[in-house]
Full PDB file with SEQRES, HELIX, SHEET, SSBOND, CRYST1, ORIGX, SCALE, CONECT and MASTER records, all heavy atoms in Angstrom:
SEQRES   1 A   36  GLY ILE ASP TYR ALA ALA PRO GLU GLY THR ALA ILE TYR          
SEQRES   2 A   36  ALA SER GLY GLY GLY VAL ILE ASP LYS ILE TYR VAL SER          
SEQRES   3 A   36  LYS SER TYR GLY ASN TYR ILE ARG ILE LYS                      
SHEET    1 AA1 2 ILE A  20  SER A  26  0                                        
SHEET    2 AA1 2 GLY A  30  ILE A  35 -1                                        
CRYST1    1.000    1.000    1.000  90.00  90.00  90.00 P 1           1          
ORIGX1      1.000000  0.000000  0.000000        0.00000                         
ORIGX2      0.000000  1.000000  0.000000        0.00000                         
ORIGX3      0.000000  0.000000  1.000000        0.00000                         
SCALE1      1.000000  0.000000  0.000000        0.00000                         
SCALE2      0.000000  1.000000  0.000000        0.00000                         
SCALE3      0.000000  0.000000  1.000000        0.00000                         
ATOM      1  N   GLY A   1    -216.504  10.491 -76.208  1.00  0.00           N  
ATOM      2  CA  GLY A   1    -216.996  10.903 -74.903  1.00  0.00           C  
ATOM      3  C   GLY A   1    -216.715  12.375 -74.720  1.00  0.00           C  
ATOM      4  O   GLY A   1    -216.392  13.083 -75.669  1.00  0.00           O  
ATOM      5  N   ILE A   2    -216.845  12.835 -73.487  1.00  0.00           N  
ATOM      6  CA  ILE A   2    -216.489  14.208 -73.152  1.00  0.00           C  
ATOM      7  C   ILE A   2    -215.571  14.163 -71.941  1.00  0.00           C  
ATOM      8  O   ILE A   2    -215.583  13.195 -71.186  1.00  0.00           O  
ATOM      9  CB  ILE A   2    -217.737  15.087 -72.880  1.00  0.00           C  
ATOM     10  CG1 ILE A   2    -218.593  14.505 -71.755  1.00  0.00           C  
ATOM     11  CG2 ILE A   2    -218.556  15.254 -74.145  1.00  0.00           C  
ATOM     12  CD1 ILE A   2    -219.798  15.353 -71.393  1.00  0.00           C  
ATOM     13  N   ASP A   3    -214.750  15.187 -71.787  1.00  0.00           N  
ATOM     14  CA  ASP A   3    -213.796  15.230 -70.684  1.00  0.00           C  
ATOM     15  C   ASP A   3    -214.087  16.415 -69.774  1.00  0.00           C  
ATOM     16  O   ASP A   3    -214.373  17.513 -70.253  1.00  0.00           O  
ATOM     17  CB  ASP A   3    -212.368  15.365 -71.208  1.00  0.00           C  
ATOM     18  CG  ASP A   3    -211.898  14.142 -71.986  1.00  0.00           C  
ATOM     19  OD1 ASP A   3    -212.529  13.076 -71.869  1.00  0.00           O  
ATOM     20  OD2 ASP A   3    -210.889  14.257 -72.705  1.00  0.00           O  
ATOM     21  N   TYR A   4    -213.996  16.155 -68.474  1.00  0.00           N  
ATOM     22  CA  TYR A   4    -214.115  17.197 -67.456  1.00  0.00           C  
ATOM     23  C   TYR A   4    -212.814  17.234 -66.669  1.00  0.00           C  
ATOM     24  O   TYR A   4    -212.447  16.252 -66.035  1.00  0.00           O  
ATOM     25  CB  TYR A   4    -215.264  16.908 -66.495  1.00  0.00           C  
ATOM     26  CG  TYR A   4    -216.628  17.097 -67.096  1.00  0.00           C  
ATOM     27  CD1 TYR A   4    -217.409  16.007 -67.444  1.00  0.00           C  
ATOM     28  CD2 TYR A   4    -217.138  18.378 -67.310  1.00  0.00           C  
ATOM     29  CE1 TYR A   4    -218.673  16.186 -67.991  1.00  0.00           C  
ATOM     30  CE2 TYR A   4    -218.388  18.561 -67.863  1.00  0.00           C  
ATOM     31  CZ  TYR A   4    -219.156  17.458 -68.193  1.00  0.00           C  
ATOM     32  OH  TYR A   4    -220.402  17.638 -68.740  1.00  0.00           O  
ATOM     33  N   ALA A   5    -212.101  18.349 -66.725  1.00  0.00           N  
ATOM     34  CA  ALA A   5    -210.890  18.526 -65.924  1.00  0.00           C  
ATOM     35  C   ALA A   5    -211.292  19.003 -64.536  1.00  0.00           C  
ATOM     36  O   ALA A   5    -212.206  19.817 -64.386  1.00  0.00           O  
ATOM     37  CB  ALA A   5    -209.966  19.545 -66.572  1.00  0.00           C  
ATOM     38  N   ALA A   6    -210.612  18.470 -63.550  1.00  0.00           N  
ATOM     39  CA  ALA A   6    -210.838  18.851 -62.157  1.00  0.00           C  
ATOM     40  C   ALA A   6    -209.610  18.426 -61.360  1.00  0.00           C  
ATOM     41  O   ALA A   6    -208.822  17.600 -61.829  1.00  0.00           O  
ATOM     42  CB  ALA A   6    -212.094  18.170 -61.607  1.00  0.00           C  
ATOM     43  N   PRO A   7    -209.444  18.979 -60.169  1.00  0.00           N  
ATOM     44  CA  PRO A   7    -208.294  18.573 -59.357  1.00  0.00           C  
ATOM     45  C   PRO A   7    -208.323  17.079 -59.044  1.00  0.00           C  
ATOM     46  O   PRO A   7    -209.394  16.491 -58.850  1.00  0.00           O  
ATOM     47  CB  PRO A   7    -208.458  19.397 -58.074  1.00  0.00           C  
ATOM     48  CG  PRO A   7    -209.290  20.568 -58.472  1.00  0.00           C  
ATOM     49  CD  PRO A   7    -210.214  20.048 -59.532  1.00  0.00           C  
ATOM     50  N   GLU A   8    -207.144  16.491 -59.020  1.00  0.00           N  
ATOM     51  CA  GLU A   8    -207.034  15.069 -58.685  1.00  0.00           C  
ATOM     52  C   GLU A   8    -207.697  14.805 -57.338  1.00  0.00           C  
ATOM     53  O   GLU A   8    -207.541  15.575 -56.396  1.00  0.00           O  
ATOM     54  CB  GLU A   8    -205.557  14.663 -58.651  1.00  0.00           C  
ATOM     55  CG  GLU A   8    -205.364  13.191 -58.832  1.00  0.00           C  
ATOM     56  CD  GLU A   8    -203.979  12.834 -59.330  1.00  0.00           C  
ATOM     57  OE1 GLU A   8    -203.274  13.699 -59.883  1.00  0.00           O  
ATOM     58  OE2 GLU A   8    -203.619  11.664 -59.153  1.00  0.00           O  
ATOM     59  N   GLY A   9    -208.475  13.736 -57.268  1.00  0.00           N  
ATOM     60  CA  GLY A   9    -209.170  13.372 -56.044  1.00  0.00           C  
ATOM     61  C   GLY A   9    -210.604  13.880 -55.962  1.00  0.00           C  
ATOM     62  O   GLY A   9    -211.345  13.485 -55.077  1.00  0.00           O  
ATOM     63  N   THR A  10    -211.021  14.757 -56.903  1.00  0.00           N  
ATOM     64  CA  THR A  10    -212.399  15.256 -56.929  1.00  0.00           C  
ATOM     65  C   THR A  10    -213.358  14.084 -57.131  1.00  0.00           C  
ATOM     66  O   THR A  10    -213.110  13.198 -57.955  1.00  0.00           O  
ATOM     67  CB  THR A  10    -212.586  16.274 -58.081  1.00  0.00           C  
ATOM     68  OG1 THR A  10    -211.688  17.364 -57.868  1.00  0.00           O  
ATOM     69  CG2 THR A  10    -214.001  16.792 -58.159  1.00  0.00           C  
ATOM     70  N   ALA A  11    -214.453  14.074 -56.396  1.00  0.00           N  
ATOM     71  CA  ALA A  11    -215.419  12.976 -56.466  1.00  0.00           C  
ATOM     72  C   ALA A  11    -216.090  12.880 -57.833  1.00  0.00           C  
ATOM     73  O   ALA A  11    -216.402  13.891 -58.462  1.00  0.00           O  
ATOM     74  CB  ALA A  11    -216.490  13.157 -55.395  1.00  0.00           C  
ATOM     75  N   ILE A  12    -216.299  11.642 -58.269  1.00  0.00           N  
ATOM     76  CA  ILE A  12    -217.050  11.325 -59.487  1.00  0.00           C  
ATOM     77  C   ILE A  12    -218.319  10.616 -59.037  1.00  0.00           C  
ATOM     78  O   ILE A  12    -218.271   9.702 -58.217  1.00  0.00           O  
ATOM     79  CB  ILE A  12    -216.244  10.406 -60.423  1.00  0.00           C  
ATOM     80  CG1 ILE A  12    -214.946  11.089 -60.866  1.00  0.00           C  
ATOM     81  CG2 ILE A  12    -217.086   9.978 -61.627  1.00  0.00           C  
ATOM     82  CD1 ILE A  12    -213.967  10.163 -61.565  1.00  0.00           C  
ATOM     83  N   TYR A  13    -219.458  11.040 -59.606  1.00  0.00           N  
ATOM     84  CA  TYR A  13    -220.760  10.510 -59.215  1.00  0.00           C  
ATOM     85  C   TYR A  13    -221.353   9.653 -60.325  1.00  0.00           C  
ATOM     86  O   TYR A  13    -221.177   9.943 -61.506  1.00  0.00           O  
ATOM     87  CB  TYR A  13    -221.731  11.653 -58.909  1.00  0.00           C  
ATOM     88  CG  TYR A  13    -221.204  12.621 -57.892  1.00  0.00           C  
ATOM     89  CD1 TYR A  13    -220.750  13.882 -58.277  1.00  0.00           C  
ATOM     90  CD2 TYR A  13    -221.144  12.280 -56.546  1.00  0.00           C  
ATOM     91  CE1 TYR A  13    -220.252  14.775 -57.343  1.00  0.00           C  
ATOM     92  CE2 TYR A  13    -220.637  13.179 -55.611  1.00  0.00           C  
ATOM     93  CZ  TYR A  13    -220.199  14.420 -56.018  1.00  0.00           C  
ATOM     94  OH  TYR A  13    -219.699  15.300 -55.104  1.00  0.00           O  
ATOM     95  N   ALA A  14    -222.108   8.629 -59.951  1.00  0.00           N  
ATOM     96  CA  ALA A  14    -222.880   7.855 -60.926  1.00  0.00           C  
ATOM     97  C   ALA A  14    -223.928   8.788 -61.519  1.00  0.00           C  
ATOM     98  O   ALA A  14    -224.653   9.456 -60.781  1.00  0.00           O  
ATOM     99  CB  ALA A  14    -223.547   6.668 -60.251  1.00  0.00           C  
ATOM    100  N   SER A  15    -223.999   8.860 -62.829  1.00  0.00           N  
ATOM    101  CA  SER A  15    -224.942   9.789 -63.465  1.00  0.00           C  
ATOM    102  C   SER A  15    -226.381   9.298 -63.366  1.00  0.00           C  
ATOM    103  O   SER A  15    -227.304  10.074 -63.585  1.00  0.00           O  
ATOM    104  CB  SER A  15    -224.559  10.042 -64.919  1.00  0.00           C  
ATOM    105  OG  SER A  15    -224.661   8.857 -65.662  1.00  0.00           O  
ATOM    106  N   GLY A  16    -226.558   8.053 -63.010  1.00  0.00           N  
ATOM    107  CA  GLY A  16    -227.900   7.509 -62.823  1.00  0.00           C  
ATOM    108  C   GLY A  16    -227.822   6.188 -62.089  1.00  0.00           C  
ATOM    109  O   GLY A  16    -226.749   5.601 -61.969  1.00  0.00           O  
ATOM    110  N   GLY A  17    -228.951   5.725 -61.615  1.00  0.00           N  
ATOM    111  CA  GLY A  17    -228.991   4.446 -60.918  1.00  0.00           C  
ATOM    112  C   GLY A  17    -228.822   3.294 -61.889  1.00  0.00           C  
ATOM    113  O   GLY A  17    -229.183   3.391 -63.060  1.00  0.00           O  
ATOM    114  N   GLY A  18    -228.267   2.197 -61.386  1.00  0.00           N  
ATOM    115  CA  GLY A  18    -228.101   1.017 -62.217  1.00  0.00           C  
ATOM    116  C   GLY A  18    -227.179   0.007 -61.582  1.00  0.00           C  
ATOM    117  O   GLY A  18    -226.992  -0.002 -60.360  1.00  0.00           O  
ATOM    118  N   VAL A  19    -226.588  -0.839 -62.421  1.00  0.00           N  
ATOM    119  CA  VAL A  19    -225.716  -1.919 -61.969  1.00  0.00           C  
ATOM    120  C   VAL A  19    -224.387  -1.817 -62.716  1.00  0.00           C  
ATOM    121  O   VAL A  19    -224.369  -1.604 -63.937  1.00  0.00           O  
ATOM    122  CB  VAL A  19    -226.367  -3.296 -62.241  1.00  0.00           C  
ATOM    123  CG1 VAL A  19    -225.425  -4.434 -61.903  1.00  0.00           C  
ATOM    124  CG2 VAL A  19    -227.667  -3.435 -61.461  1.00  0.00           C  
ATOM    125  N   ILE A  20    -223.291  -1.972 -61.991  1.00  0.00           N  
ATOM    126  CA  ILE A  20    -221.965  -1.951 -62.617  1.00  0.00           C  
ATOM    127  C   ILE A  20    -221.806  -3.226 -63.430  1.00  0.00           C  
ATOM    128  O   ILE A  20    -221.901  -4.324 -62.888  1.00  0.00           O  
ATOM    129  CB  ILE A  20    -220.853  -1.824 -61.563  1.00  0.00           C  
ATOM    130  CG1 ILE A  20    -220.957  -0.468 -60.863  1.00  0.00           C  
ATOM    131  CG2 ILE A  20    -219.476  -2.021 -62.207  1.00  0.00           C  
ATOM    132  CD1 ILE A  20    -219.966  -0.258 -59.740  1.00  0.00           C  
ATOM    133  N   ASP A  21    -221.596  -3.066 -64.746  1.00  0.00           N  
ATOM    134  CA  ASP A  21    -221.382  -4.254 -65.568  1.00  0.00           C  
ATOM    135  C   ASP A  21    -219.929  -4.404 -66.003  1.00  0.00           C  
ATOM    136  O   ASP A  21    -219.544  -5.461 -66.486  1.00  0.00           O  
ATOM    137  CB  ASP A  21    -222.356  -4.333 -66.747  1.00  0.00           C  
ATOM    138  CG  ASP A  21    -222.139  -3.306 -67.835  1.00  0.00           C  
ATOM    139  OD1 ASP A  21    -221.425  -2.324 -67.602  1.00  0.00           O  
ATOM    140  OD2 ASP A  21    -222.697  -3.493 -68.924  1.00  0.00           O  
ATOM    141  N   LYS A  22    -219.106  -3.358 -65.809  1.00  0.00           N  
ATOM    142  CA  LYS A  22    -217.662  -3.468 -66.027  1.00  0.00           C  
ATOM    143  C   LYS A  22    -216.946  -2.584 -65.020  1.00  0.00           C  
ATOM    144  O   LYS A  22    -217.354  -1.461 -64.775  1.00  0.00           O  
ATOM    145  CB  LYS A  22    -217.276  -3.021 -67.442  1.00  0.00           C  
ATOM    146  CG  LYS A  22    -217.731  -3.973 -68.516  1.00  0.00           C  
ATOM    147  CD  LYS A  22    -217.080  -3.652 -69.837  1.00  0.00           C  
ATOM    148  CE  LYS A  22    -217.630  -4.604 -70.863  1.00  0.00           C  
ATOM    149  NZ  LYS A  22    -216.657  -5.172 -71.725  1.00  0.00           N  
ATOM    150  N   ILE A  23    -215.876  -3.108 -64.456  1.00  0.00           N  
ATOM    151  CA  ILE A  23    -215.007  -2.335 -63.573  1.00  0.00           C  
ATOM    152  C   ILE A  23    -213.625  -2.994 -63.664  1.00  0.00           C  
ATOM    153  O   ILE A  23    -213.446  -4.148 -63.302  1.00  0.00           O  
ATOM    154  CB  ILE A  23    -215.544  -2.268 -62.125  1.00  0.00           C  
ATOM    155  CG1 ILE A  23    -214.639  -1.411 -61.239  1.00  0.00           C  
ATOM    156  CG2 ILE A  23    -215.804  -3.640 -61.546  1.00  0.00           C  
ATOM    157  CD1 ILE A  23    -215.239  -1.051 -59.875  1.00  0.00           C  
ATOM    158  N   TYR A  24    -212.683  -2.269 -64.245  1.00  0.00           N  
ATOM    159  CA  TYR A  24    -211.361  -2.851 -64.469  1.00  0.00           C  
ATOM    160  C   TYR A  24    -210.343  -1.756 -64.757  1.00  0.00           C  
ATOM    161  O   TYR A  24    -210.683  -0.583 -64.863  1.00  0.00           O  
ATOM    162  CB  TYR A  24    -211.407  -3.859 -65.629  1.00  0.00           C  
ATOM    163  CG  TYR A  24    -211.738  -3.259 -66.982  1.00  0.00           C  
ATOM    164  CD1 TYR A  24    -210.732  -2.897 -67.875  1.00  0.00           C  
ATOM    165  CD2 TYR A  24    -213.057  -3.069 -67.377  1.00  0.00           C  
ATOM    166  CE1 TYR A  24    -211.024  -2.356 -69.113  1.00  0.00           C  
ATOM    167  CE2 TYR A  24    -213.367  -2.536 -68.617  1.00  0.00           C  
ATOM    168  CZ  TYR A  24    -212.344  -2.183 -69.482  1.00  0.00           C  
ATOM    169  OH  TYR A  24    -212.644  -1.639 -70.706  1.00  0.00           O  
ATOM    170  N   VAL A  25    -209.085  -2.169 -64.908  1.00  0.00           N  
ATOM    171  CA  VAL A  25    -208.000  -1.258 -65.262  1.00  0.00           C  
ATOM    172  C   VAL A  25    -207.580  -1.572 -66.694  1.00  0.00           C  
ATOM    173  O   VAL A  25    -207.302  -2.721 -67.025  1.00  0.00           O  
ATOM    174  CB  VAL A  25    -206.799  -1.408 -64.302  1.00  0.00           C  
ATOM    175  CG1 VAL A  25    -205.682  -0.466 -64.702  1.00  0.00           C  
ATOM    176  CG2 VAL A  25    -207.232  -1.162 -62.871  1.00  0.00           C  
ATOM    177  N   SER A  26    -207.554  -0.535 -67.531  1.00  0.00           N  
ATOM    178  CA  SER A  26    -207.228  -0.662 -68.947  1.00  0.00           C  
ATOM    179  C   SER A  26    -205.966   0.131 -69.254  1.00  0.00           C  
ATOM    180  O   SER A  26    -205.690   1.144 -68.613  1.00  0.00           O  
ATOM    181  CB  SER A  26    -208.408  -0.109 -69.758  1.00  0.00           C  
ATOM    182  OG  SER A  26    -208.036   0.291 -71.048  1.00  0.00           O  
ATOM    183  N   LYS A  27    -205.219  -0.302 -70.257  1.00  0.00           N  
ATOM    184  CA  LYS A  27    -204.013   0.426 -70.661  1.00  0.00           C  
ATOM    185  C   LYS A  27    -204.365   1.825 -71.162  1.00  0.00           C  
ATOM    186  O   LYS A  27    -203.701   2.800 -70.836  1.00  0.00           O  
ATOM    187  CB  LYS A  27    -203.266  -0.345 -71.742  1.00  0.00           C  
ATOM    188  CG  LYS A  27    -201.981   0.322 -72.179  1.00  0.00           C  
ATOM    189  CD  LYS A  27    -201.248  -0.492 -73.225  1.00  0.00           C  
ATOM    190  CE  LYS A  27    -200.007   0.252 -73.682  1.00  0.00           C  
ATOM    191  NZ  LYS A  27    -199.308  -0.456 -74.749  1.00  0.00           N  
ATOM    192  N   SER A  28    -205.428   1.946 -71.956  1.00  0.00           N  
ATOM    193  CA  SER A  28    -205.781   3.256 -72.511  1.00  0.00           C  
ATOM    194  C   SER A  28    -206.735   4.042 -71.618  1.00  0.00           C  
ATOM    195  O   SER A  28    -206.559   5.234 -71.423  1.00  0.00           O  
ATOM    196  CB  SER A  28    -206.379   3.097 -73.909  1.00  0.00           C  
ATOM    197  OG  SER A  28    -207.513   2.263 -73.861  1.00  0.00           O  
ATOM    198  N   TYR A  29    -207.759   3.394 -71.067  1.00  0.00           N  
ATOM    199  CA  TYR A  29    -208.756   4.079 -70.245  1.00  0.00           C  
ATOM    200  C   TYR A  29    -208.351   4.204 -68.775  1.00  0.00           C  
ATOM    201  O   TYR A  29    -209.003   4.909 -68.019  1.00  0.00           O  
ATOM    202  CB  TYR A  29    -210.096   3.351 -70.301  1.00  0.00           C  
ATOM    203  CG  TYR A  29    -210.945   3.659 -71.509  1.00  0.00           C  
ATOM    204  CD1 TYR A  29    -211.449   2.633 -72.297  1.00  0.00           C  
ATOM    205  CD2 TYR A  29    -211.295   4.963 -71.842  1.00  0.00           C  
ATOM    206  CE1 TYR A  29    -212.263   2.895 -73.388  1.00  0.00           C  
ATOM    207  CE2 TYR A  29    -212.095   5.239 -72.926  1.00  0.00           C  
ATOM    208  CZ  TYR A  29    -212.585   4.202 -73.702  1.00  0.00           C  
ATOM    209  OH  TYR A  29    -213.391   4.469 -74.769  1.00  0.00           O  
ATOM    210  N   GLY A  30    -207.328   3.502 -68.358  1.00  0.00           N  
ATOM    211  CA  GLY A  30    -206.972   3.517 -66.934  1.00  0.00           C  
ATOM    212  C   GLY A  30    -208.072   2.856 -66.128  1.00  0.00           C  
ATOM    213  O   GLY A  30    -208.681   1.873 -66.563  1.00  0.00           O  
ATOM    214  N   ASN A  31    -208.355   3.393 -64.951  1.00  0.00           N  
ATOM    215  CA  ASN A  31    -209.425   2.860 -64.111  1.00  0.00           C  
ATOM    216  C   ASN A  31    -210.764   3.192 -64.759  1.00  0.00           C  
ATOM    217  O   ASN A  31    -211.074   4.359 -65.015  1.00  0.00           O  
ATOM    218  CB  ASN A  31    -209.354   3.454 -62.704  1.00  0.00           C  
ATOM    219  CG  ASN A  31    -208.112   2.989 -61.969  1.00  0.00           C  
ATOM    220  OD1 ASN A  31    -207.606   1.900 -62.191  1.00  0.00           O  
ATOM    221  ND2 ASN A  31    -207.593   3.831 -61.097  1.00  0.00           N  
ATOM    222  N   TYR A  32    -211.575   2.155 -65.017  1.00  0.00           N  
ATOM    223  CA  TYR A  32    -212.775   2.277 -65.851  1.00  0.00           C  
ATOM    224  C   TYR A  32    -213.962   1.601 -65.175  1.00  0.00           C  
ATOM    225  O   TYR A  32    -213.840   0.483 -64.665  1.00  0.00           O  
ATOM    226  CB  TYR A  32    -212.501   1.600 -67.194  1.00  0.00           C  
ATOM    227  CG  TYR A  32    -213.656   1.564 -68.154  1.00  0.00           C  
ATOM    228  CD1 TYR A  32    -213.849   2.575 -69.082  1.00  0.00           C  
ATOM    229  CD2 TYR A  32    -214.544   0.495 -68.165  1.00  0.00           C  
ATOM    230  CE1 TYR A  32    -214.898   2.534 -69.998  1.00  0.00           C  
ATOM    231  CE2 TYR A  32    -215.599   0.444 -69.065  1.00  0.00           C  
ATOM    232  CZ  TYR A  32    -215.768   1.462 -69.980  1.00  0.00           C  
ATOM    233  OH  TYR A  32    -216.813   1.418 -70.873  1.00  0.00           O  
ATOM    234  N   ILE A  33    -215.099   2.288 -65.191  1.00  0.00           N  
ATOM    235  CA  ILE A  33    -216.366   1.734 -64.704  1.00  0.00           C  
ATOM    236  C   ILE A  33    -217.429   1.985 -65.757  1.00  0.00           C  
ATOM    237  O   ILE A  33    -217.503   3.079 -66.327  1.00  0.00           O  
ATOM    238  CB  ILE A  33    -216.829   2.391 -63.382  1.00  0.00           C  
ATOM    239  CG1 ILE A  33    -215.916   2.006 -62.227  1.00  0.00           C  
ATOM    240  CG2 ILE A  33    -218.275   2.015 -63.051  1.00  0.00           C  
ATOM    241  CD1 ILE A  33    -216.301   2.640 -60.897  1.00  0.00           C  
ATOM    242  N   ARG A  34    -218.264   0.961 -66.015  1.00  0.00           N  
ATOM    243  CA  ARG A  34    -219.444   1.160 -66.858  1.00  0.00           C  
ATOM    244  C   ARG A  34    -220.669   0.710 -66.073  1.00  0.00           C  
ATOM    245  O   ARG A  34    -220.665  -0.363 -65.471  1.00  0.00           O  
ATOM    246  CB  ARG A  34    -219.353   0.382 -68.166  1.00  0.00           C  
ATOM    247  CG  ARG A  34    -220.496   0.749 -69.117  1.00  0.00           C  
ATOM    248  CD  ARG A  34    -220.346   0.114 -70.469  1.00  0.00           C  
ATOM    249  NE  ARG A  34    -220.611  -1.315 -70.334  1.00  0.00           N  
ATOM    250  CZ  ARG A  34    -220.269  -2.221 -71.245  1.00  0.00           C  
ATOM    251  NH1 ARG A  34    -219.628  -1.859 -72.343  1.00  0.00           N  
ATOM    252  NH2 ARG A  34    -220.549  -3.486 -71.056  1.00  0.00           N  
ATOM    253  N   ILE A  35    -221.701   1.572 -66.088  1.00  0.00           N  
ATOM    254  CA  ILE A  35    -222.947   1.303 -65.363  1.00  0.00           C  
ATOM    255  C   ILE A  35    -224.065   1.088 -66.371  1.00  0.00           C  
ATOM    256  O   ILE A  35    -224.287   1.920 -67.250  1.00  0.00           O  
ATOM    257  CB  ILE A  35    -223.311   2.479 -64.436  1.00  0.00           C  
ATOM    258  CG1 ILE A  35    -222.207   2.702 -63.399  1.00  0.00           C  
ATOM    259  CG2 ILE A  35    -224.662   2.236 -63.759  1.00  0.00           C  
ATOM    260  CD1 ILE A  35    -222.357   3.980 -62.588  1.00  0.00           C  
ATOM    261  N   LYS A  36    -224.764  -0.034 -66.241  1.00  0.00           N  
ATOM    262  CA  LYS A  36    -225.948  -0.313 -67.051  1.00  0.00           C  
ATOM    263  C   LYS A  36    -227.144   0.261 -66.310  1.00  0.00           C  
ATOM    264  O   LYS A  36    -227.399  -0.071 -65.166  1.00  0.00           O  
ATOM    265  CB  LYS A  36    -226.104  -1.828 -67.242  1.00  0.00           C  
ATOM    266  CG  LYS A  36    -227.378  -2.249 -67.933  1.00  0.00           C  
ATOM    267  CD  LYS A  36    -227.303  -1.975 -69.408  1.00  0.00           C  
ATOM    268  CE  LYS A  36    -228.579  -2.457 -70.082  1.00  0.00           C  
ATOM    269  NZ  LYS A  36    -229.207  -1.477 -70.897  1.00  0.00           N  
TER     270      LYS A  36                                                      
MASTER        0    0    0    0    2    0    0    6  269    1    0    3          
END                                                                             
């Protein structure tokens, strides 16, 4: 993937329309969302 550094709390936007097919907390990824 690619990483974008920004101040904590900065908004993250859905890069496109779709449906959330995964949303969970992972040991390595932390808070994780995947949009189909």
